[in-house]
Amino acid sequence: YSSIPNNFIINGIKLGSWQSELRKDRKKLTPERFEKLQKIGFIFNVKEERWYRKFHELSIFLKENESYPQYQTPLGRWVNGQRMKIRKGSMDEKKLELLKSINFIVNPHEEFWKKNISELALFIKENGHSSPPRKTSIGDWVPHLRVDYKKGLLSSEKIKELKSIGFIFEHVDQDWKDNFYKLKNYLKKNNGKT
């Protein structure tokens, strides 16, 4: 698709203006003329065409990158516009299906939560505690969870989910459990003698 500027003239014909008239008056075209224009790739709905071009651009971007485009970029702004339309329920069903086909993330915060909660559950299962080392994705996330919990910023659903995987909200509780476990093992090995 390339839009011809309205003031474009070729051999004395205002081709740009004619193109605009075709779009505006497309219902007046005979079926034969409409079909001829379609066959040469004439775009009647420029807005639709832009959407499909952006979708294609996003598909390629996601294949080549591990994250979504930055918000400040034209593609990033388009992505956020699509998220807003989906949340409002104003997204065309066909377009929504296309976005789903590339695993479009509607709510990046929720996706981040799902990924981290899954990694944290695995960590707790494998290590028996909920304090992963710093400088790891979940190790840097866990202290924020504890702060958010203390400030009352976590929803009841998220608290319930964290409790279900054995997450300890208070670091002191974790330390006590760790020390109790060590004491229990020590006493077991030494026949109850301290």
C-alpha atoms as a PDB file:
ATOM      1  CA  TYR A   1       0.000   0.000   0.000  1.00  0.00           C
ATOM      2  CA  SER A   2       1.194   3.470  -0.789  1.00  0.00           C
ATOM      3  CA  SER A   3      -1.076   6.438  -0.627  1.00  0.00           C
ATOM      4  CA  ILE A   4      -0.739   8.880  -3.460  1.00  0.00           C
ATOM      5  CA  PRO A   5      -0.675  12.499  -2.243  1.00  0.00           C
ATOM      6  CA  ASN A   6      -3.864  14.377  -3.144  1.00  0.00           C
ATOM      7  CA  ASN A   7      -1.958  16.930  -5.199  1.00  0.00           C
ATOM      8  CA  PHE A   8      -0.133  14.297  -7.300  1.00  0.00           C
ATOM      9  CA  ILE A   9      -0.616  14.902 -11.036  1.00  0.00           C
ATOM     10  CA  ILE A  10       0.513  12.583 -13.832  1.00  0.00           C
ATOM     11  CA  ASN A  11       0.024  13.501 -17.509  1.00  0.00           C
ATOM     12  CA  GLY A  12      -2.379  16.250 -16.441  1.00  0.00           C
ATOM     13  CA  ILE A  13      -4.559  13.884 -14.375  1.00  0.00           C
ATOM     14  CA  LYS A  14      -4.944  14.581 -10.651  1.00  0.00           C
ATOM     15  CA  LEU A  15      -4.342  10.936  -9.721  1.00  0.00           C
ATOM     16  CA  GLY A  16      -4.238  11.629  -5.981  1.00  0.00           C
ATOM     17  CA  SER A  17      -7.627  13.344  -6.017  1.00  0.00           C
ATOM     18  CA  TRP A  18      -9.090  10.580  -8.196  1.00  0.00           C
ATOM     19  CA  GLN A  19      -7.840   7.962  -5.719  1.00  0.00           C
ATOM     20  CA  SER A  20      -9.595   9.798  -2.861  1.00  0.00           C
ATOM     21  CA  GLU A  21     -12.832  10.008  -4.879  1.00  0.00           C
ATOM     22  CA  LEU A  22     -12.703   6.259  -5.585  1.00  0.00           C
ATOM     23  CA  ARG A  23     -12.491   5.541  -1.862  1.00  0.00           C
ATOM     24  CA  LYS A  24     -15.250   7.971  -0.998  1.00  0.00           C
ATOM     25  CA  ASP A  25     -17.593   6.803  -3.761  1.00  0.00           C
ATOM     26  CA  ARG A  26     -16.725   3.093  -3.828  1.00  0.00           C
ATOM     27  CA  LYS A  27     -20.380   2.076  -3.434  1.00  0.00           C
ATOM     28  CA  LYS A  28     -21.113   3.806  -6.735  1.00  0.00           C
ATOM     29  CA  LEU A  29     -18.555   1.690  -8.598  1.00  0.00           C
ATOM     30  CA  THR A  30     -19.781  -1.095 -10.829  1.00  0.00           C
ATOM     31  CA  PRO A  31     -18.788  -4.584  -9.648  1.00  0.00           C
ATOM     32  CA  GLU A  32     -16.435  -4.875 -12.633  1.00  0.00           C
ATOM     33  CA  ARG A  33     -14.574  -1.663 -11.777  1.00  0.00           C
ATOM     34  CA  PHE A  34     -14.431  -2.552  -8.099  1.00  0.00           C
ATOM     35  CA  GLU A  35     -12.936  -5.947  -8.976  1.00  0.00           C
ATOM     36  CA  LYS A  36     -10.395  -4.389 -11.356  1.00  0.00           C
ATOM     37  CA  LEU A  37      -9.210  -2.014  -8.652  1.00  0.00           C
ATOM     38  CA  GLN A  38      -8.946  -4.862  -6.146  1.00  0.00           C
ATOM     39  CA  LYS A  39      -6.906  -6.941  -8.594  1.00  0.00           C
ATOM     40  CA  ILE A  40      -4.257  -4.216  -8.910  1.00  0.00           C
ATOM     41  CA  GLY A  41      -4.027  -3.977  -5.116  1.00  0.00           C
ATOM     42  CA  PHE A  42      -6.009  -0.772  -4.682  1.00  0.00           C
ATOM     43  CA  ILE A  43      -6.785  -0.231  -1.012  1.00  0.00           C
ATOM     44  CA  PHE A  44     -10.278   1.034  -0.314  1.00  0.00           C
ATOM     45  CA  ASN A  45     -10.011   1.099   3.461  1.00  0.00           C
ATOM     46  CA  VAL A  46      -6.714   2.756   4.331  1.00  0.00           C
ATOM     47  CA  LYS A  47      -7.333   2.461   8.082  1.00  0.00           C
ATOM     48  CA  GLU A  48      -7.806  -1.309   7.814  1.00  0.00           C
ATOM     49  CA  GLU A  49      -4.711  -1.645   5.676  1.00  0.00           C
ATOM     50  CA  ARG A  50      -2.654   0.259   8.239  1.00  0.00           C
ATOM     51  CA  TRP A  51      -3.876  -2.102  10.966  1.00  0.00           C
ATOM     52  CA  TYR A  52      -2.800  -5.188   9.020  1.00  0.00           C
ATOM     53  CA  ARG A  53       0.590  -3.648   8.230  1.00  0.00           C
ATOM     54  CA  LYS A  54       1.155  -2.885  11.932  1.00  0.00           C
ATOM     55  CA  PHE A  55       0.044  -6.400  12.850  1.00  0.00           C
ATOM     56  CA  HIS A  56       2.553  -7.834  10.370  1.00  0.00           C
ATOM     57  CA  GLU A  57       5.255  -5.536  11.713  1.00  0.00           C
ATOM     58  CA  LEU A  58       4.497  -6.687  15.284  1.00  0.00           C
ATOM     59  CA  SER A  59       4.584 -10.363  14.229  1.00  0.00           C
ATOM     60  CA  ILE A  60       8.072  -9.901  12.823  1.00  0.00           C
ATOM     61  CA  PHE A  61       9.196  -7.842  15.831  1.00  0.00           C
ATOM     62  CA  LEU A  62       8.070 -10.541  18.292  1.00  0.00           C
ATOM     63  CA  LYS A  63       9.889 -13.264  16.338  1.00  0.00           C
ATOM     64  CA  GLU A  64      13.108 -11.258  16.439  1.00  0.00           C
ATOM     65  CA  ASN A  65      12.875  -9.938  20.029  1.00  0.00           C
ATOM     66  CA  GLU A  66      12.120 -11.329  23.463  1.00  0.00           C
ATOM     67  CA  SER A  67       9.968  -8.370  24.478  1.00  0.00           C
ATOM     68  CA  TYR A  68       7.419  -5.966  23.081  1.00  0.00           C
ATOM     69  CA  PRO A  69       8.415  -2.686  21.420  1.00  0.00           C
ATOM     70  CA  GLN A  70       9.008   0.316  23.667  1.00  0.00           C
ATOM     71  CA  TYR A  71       5.956   2.482  24.257  1.00  0.00           C
ATOM     72  CA  GLN A  72       7.651   5.557  22.777  1.00  0.00           C
ATOM     73  CA  THR A  73       7.988   3.925  19.352  1.00  0.00           C
ATOM     74  CA  PRO A  74       5.197   4.033  16.751  1.00  0.00           C
ATOM     75  CA  LEU A  75       4.781   0.251  16.982  1.00  0.00           C
ATOM     76  CA  GLY A  76       4.738   0.396  20.796  1.00  0.00           C
ATOM     77  CA  ARG A  77       1.996   3.022  20.734  1.00  0.00           C
ATOM     78  CA  TRP A  78       0.031   0.861  18.285  1.00  0.00           C
ATOM     79  CA  VAL A  79       0.379  -2.150  20.624  1.00  0.00           C
ATOM     80  CA  ASN A  80      -0.944  -0.133  23.563  1.00  0.00           C
ATOM     81  CA  GLY A  81      -3.831   1.096  21.437  1.00  0.00           C
ATOM     82  CA  GLN A  82      -4.773  -2.520  20.666  1.00  0.00           C
ATOM     83  CA  ARG A  83      -4.606  -3.410  24.390  1.00  0.00           C
ATOM     84  CA  MET A  84      -6.971  -0.546  25.194  1.00  0.00           C
ATOM     85  CA  LYS A  85      -9.427  -1.644  22.487  1.00  0.00           C
ATOM     86  CA  ILE A  86      -9.395  -5.209  23.809  1.00  0.00           C
ATOM     87  CA  ARG A  87      -9.980  -4.068  27.409  1.00  0.00           C
ATOM     88  CA  LYS A  88     -12.859  -1.832  26.277  1.00  0.00           C
ATOM     89  CA  GLY A  89     -14.337  -4.688  24.261  1.00  0.00           C
ATOM     90  CA  SER A  90     -14.209  -2.672  21.048  1.00  0.00           C
ATOM     91  CA  MET A  91     -11.782  -4.920  19.161  1.00  0.00           C
ATOM     92  CA  ASP A  92     -13.063  -6.498  15.963  1.00  0.00           C
ATOM     93  CA  GLU A  93     -13.347 -10.290  16.467  1.00  0.00           C
ATOM     94  CA  LYS A  94     -11.272 -11.121  13.377  1.00  0.00           C
ATOM     95  CA  LYS A  95      -8.455  -8.854  14.525  1.00  0.00           C
ATOM     96  CA  LEU A  96      -8.648 -10.236  18.055  1.00  0.00           C
ATOM     97  CA  GLU A  97      -8.218 -13.763  16.680  1.00  0.00           C
ATOM     98  CA  LEU A  98      -5.189 -12.632  14.665  1.00  0.00           C
ATOM     99  CA  LEU A  99      -3.624 -11.096  17.779  1.00  0.00           C
ATOM    100  CA  LYS A 100      -4.298 -14.292  19.726  1.00  0.00           C
ATOM    101  CA  SER A 101      -2.567 -16.255  16.962  1.00  0.00           C
ATOM    102  CA  ILE A 102       0.731 -14.516  17.837  1.00  0.00           C
ATOM    103  CA  ASN A 103       0.120 -14.891  21.607  1.00  0.00           C
ATOM    104  CA  PHE A 104      -0.532 -11.178  22.016  1.00  0.00           C
ATOM    105  CA  ILE A 105      -0.200 -10.129  25.643  1.00  0.00           C
ATOM    106  CA  VAL A 106      -3.125  -7.927  26.613  1.00  0.00           C
ATOM    107  CA  ASN A 107      -2.003  -7.240  30.177  1.00  0.00           C
ATOM    108  CA  PRO A 108       1.794  -7.261  30.509  1.00  0.00           C
ATOM    109  CA  HIS A 109       1.603  -6.864  34.295  1.00  0.00           C
ATOM    110  CA  GLU A 110      -0.535  -9.981  34.613  1.00  0.00           C
ATOM    111  CA  GLU A 111       1.789 -11.890  32.288  1.00  0.00           C
ATOM    112  CA  PHE A 112       4.776 -10.800  34.412  1.00  0.00           C
ATOM    113  CA  TRP A 113       2.935 -12.039  37.531  1.00  0.00           C
ATOM    114  CA  LYS A 114       2.153 -15.449  35.976  1.00  0.00           C
ATOM    115  CA  LYS A 115       5.747 -15.962  34.843  1.00  0.00           C
ATOM    116  CA  ASN A 116       7.234 -14.989  38.211  1.00  0.00           C
ATOM    117  CA  ILE A 117       4.728 -16.886  40.343  1.00  0.00           C
ATOM    118  CA  SER A 118       5.457 -20.008  38.312  1.00  0.00           C
ATOM    119  CA  GLU A 119       9.231 -19.584  38.758  1.00  0.00           C
ATOM    120  CA  LEU A 120       8.781 -18.856  42.477  1.00  0.00           C
ATOM    121  CA  ALA A 121       6.602 -21.953  42.982  1.00  0.00           C
ATOM    122  CA  LEU A 122       9.289 -24.093  41.356  1.00  0.00           C
ATOM    123  CA  PHE A 123      12.002 -22.459  43.472  1.00  0.00           C
ATOM    124  CA  ILE A 124      10.051 -23.091  46.703  1.00  0.00           C
ATOM    125  CA  LYS A 125       9.391 -26.706  45.714  1.00  0.00           C
ATOM    126  CA  GLU A 126      13.065 -27.349  44.908  1.00  0.00           C
ATOM    127  CA  ASN A 127      14.622 -25.368  47.788  1.00  0.00           C
ATOM    128  CA  GLY A 128      12.100 -25.528  50.620  1.00  0.00           C
ATOM    129  CA  HIS A 129      12.048 -21.755  51.204  1.00  0.00           C
ATOM    130  CA  SER A 130      10.824 -18.591  49.554  1.00  0.00           C
ATOM    131  CA  SER A 131      13.930 -16.419  49.577  1.00  0.00           C
ATOM    132  CA  PRO A 132      15.648 -16.855  46.215  1.00  0.00           C
ATOM    133  CA  PRO A 133      19.084 -15.293  45.804  1.00  0.00           C
ATOM    134  CA  ARG A 134      19.290 -11.673  44.706  1.00  0.00           C
ATOM    135  CA  LYS A 135      20.422 -10.808  41.188  1.00  0.00           C
ATOM    136  CA  THR A 136      17.940 -13.326  39.745  1.00  0.00           C
ATOM    137  CA  SER A 137      14.586 -12.367  38.257  1.00  0.00           C
ATOM    138  CA  ILE A 138      12.534 -13.728  41.146  1.00  0.00           C
ATOM    139  CA  GLY A 139      15.221 -12.924  43.731  1.00  0.00           C
ATOM    140  CA  ASP A 140      14.827  -9.250  42.930  1.00  0.00           C
ATOM    141  CA  TRP A 141      11.020  -9.558  42.766  1.00  0.00           C
ATOM    142  CA  VAL A 142      10.404 -11.282  46.146  1.00  0.00           C
ATOM    143  CA  PRO A 143      11.456  -8.330  48.358  1.00  0.00           C
ATOM    144  CA  HIS A 144       8.991  -6.141  46.441  1.00  0.00           C
ATOM    145  CA  LEU A 145       6.250  -8.698  47.136  1.00  0.00           C
ATOM    146  CA  ARG A 146       6.986  -8.565  50.849  1.00  0.00           C
ATOM    147  CA  VAL A 147       6.956  -4.759  50.888  1.00  0.00           C
ATOM    148  CA  ASP A 148       3.726  -4.653  48.874  1.00  0.00           C
ATOM    149  CA  TYR A 149       2.193  -7.160  51.305  1.00  0.00           C
ATOM    150  CA  LYS A 150       3.166  -5.058  54.348  1.00  0.00           C
ATOM    151  CA  LYS A 151       1.736  -1.941  52.690  1.00  0.00           C
ATOM    152  CA  GLY A 152      -1.503  -3.763  51.847  1.00  0.00           C
ATOM    153  CA  LEU A 153      -0.978  -3.407  48.103  1.00  0.00           C
ATOM    154  CA  LEU A 154      -1.477  -7.076  47.151  1.00  0.00           C
ATOM    155  CA  SER A 155      -4.968  -8.231  46.234  1.00  0.00           C
ATOM    156  CA  SER A 156      -6.547 -11.027  48.240  1.00  0.00           C
ATOM    157  CA  GLU A 157      -6.338 -13.256  45.138  1.00  0.00           C
ATOM    158  CA  LYS A 158      -2.587 -12.728  44.871  1.00  0.00           C
ATOM    159  CA  ILE A 159      -2.072 -13.312  48.606  1.00  0.00           C
ATOM    160  CA  LYS A 160      -4.076 -16.540  48.334  1.00  0.00           C
ATOM    161  CA  GLU A 161      -2.032 -17.642  45.314  1.00  0.00           C
ATOM    162  CA  LEU A 162       1.250 -16.907  47.102  1.00  0.00           C
ATOM    163  CA  LYS A 163       0.133 -18.796  50.212  1.00  0.00           C
ATOM    164  CA  SER A 164      -0.883 -21.769  48.054  1.00  0.00           C
ATOM    165  CA  ILE A 165       2.717 -22.177  46.824  1.00  0.00           C
ATOM    166  CA  GLY A 166       4.165 -21.875  50.355  1.00  0.00           C
ATOM    167  CA  PHE A 167       5.373 -18.280  50.152  1.00  0.00           C
ATOM    168  CA  ILE A 168       6.415 -16.781  53.484  1.00  0.00           C
ATOM    169  CA  PHE A 169       5.489 -13.106  53.673  1.00  0.00           C
ATOM    170  CA  GLU A 170       7.466 -12.218  56.774  1.00  0.00           C
ATOM    171  CA  HIS A 171      11.187 -12.755  56.461  1.00  0.00           C
ATOM    172  CA  VAL A 172      11.360 -13.327  60.224  1.00  0.00           C
ATOM    173  CA  ASP A 173       8.969 -16.263  59.849  1.00  0.00           C
ATOM    174  CA  GLN A 174      11.228 -17.719  57.163  1.00  0.00           C
ATOM    175  CA  ASP A 175      14.306 -17.333  59.378  1.00  0.00           C
ATOM    176  CA  TRP A 176      12.488 -19.013  62.283  1.00  0.00           C
ATOM    177  CA  LYS A 177      11.405 -21.916  60.094  1.00  0.00           C
ATOM    178  CA  ASP A 178      14.936 -22.305  58.716  1.00  0.00           C
ATOM    179  CA  ASN A 179      16.466 -22.266  62.201  1.00  0.00           C
ATOM    180  CA  PHE A 180      13.838 -24.642  63.565  1.00  0.00           C
ATOM    181  CA  TYR A 181      14.560 -27.063  60.718  1.00  0.00           C
ATOM    182  CA  LYS A 182      18.300 -26.884  61.442  1.00  0.00           C
ATOM    183  CA  LEU A 183      17.729 -27.420  65.180  1.00  0.00           C
ATOM    184  CA  LYS A 184      15.389 -30.335  64.520  1.00  0.00           C
ATOM    185  CA  ASN A 185      17.973 -32.003  62.245  1.00  0.00           C
ATOM    186  CA  TYR A 186      20.760 -31.378  64.747  1.00  0.00           C
ATOM    187  CA  LEU A 187      18.772 -32.901  67.605  1.00  0.00           C
ATOM    188  CA  LYS A 188      17.815 -35.849  65.417  1.00  0.00           C
ATOM    189  CA  LYS A 189      21.475 -36.539  64.568  1.00  0.00           C
ATOM    190  CA  ASN A 190      22.635 -36.127  68.162  1.00  0.00           C
ATOM    191  CA  ASN A 191      19.903 -38.178  69.854  1.00  0.00           C
ATOM    192  CA  GLY A 192      18.180 -35.137  71.298  1.00  0.00           C
ATOM    193  CA  LYS A 193      21.259 -33.794  73.067  1.00  0.00           C
ATOM    194  CA  THR A 194      22.316 -30.176  72.706  1.00  0.00           C
END
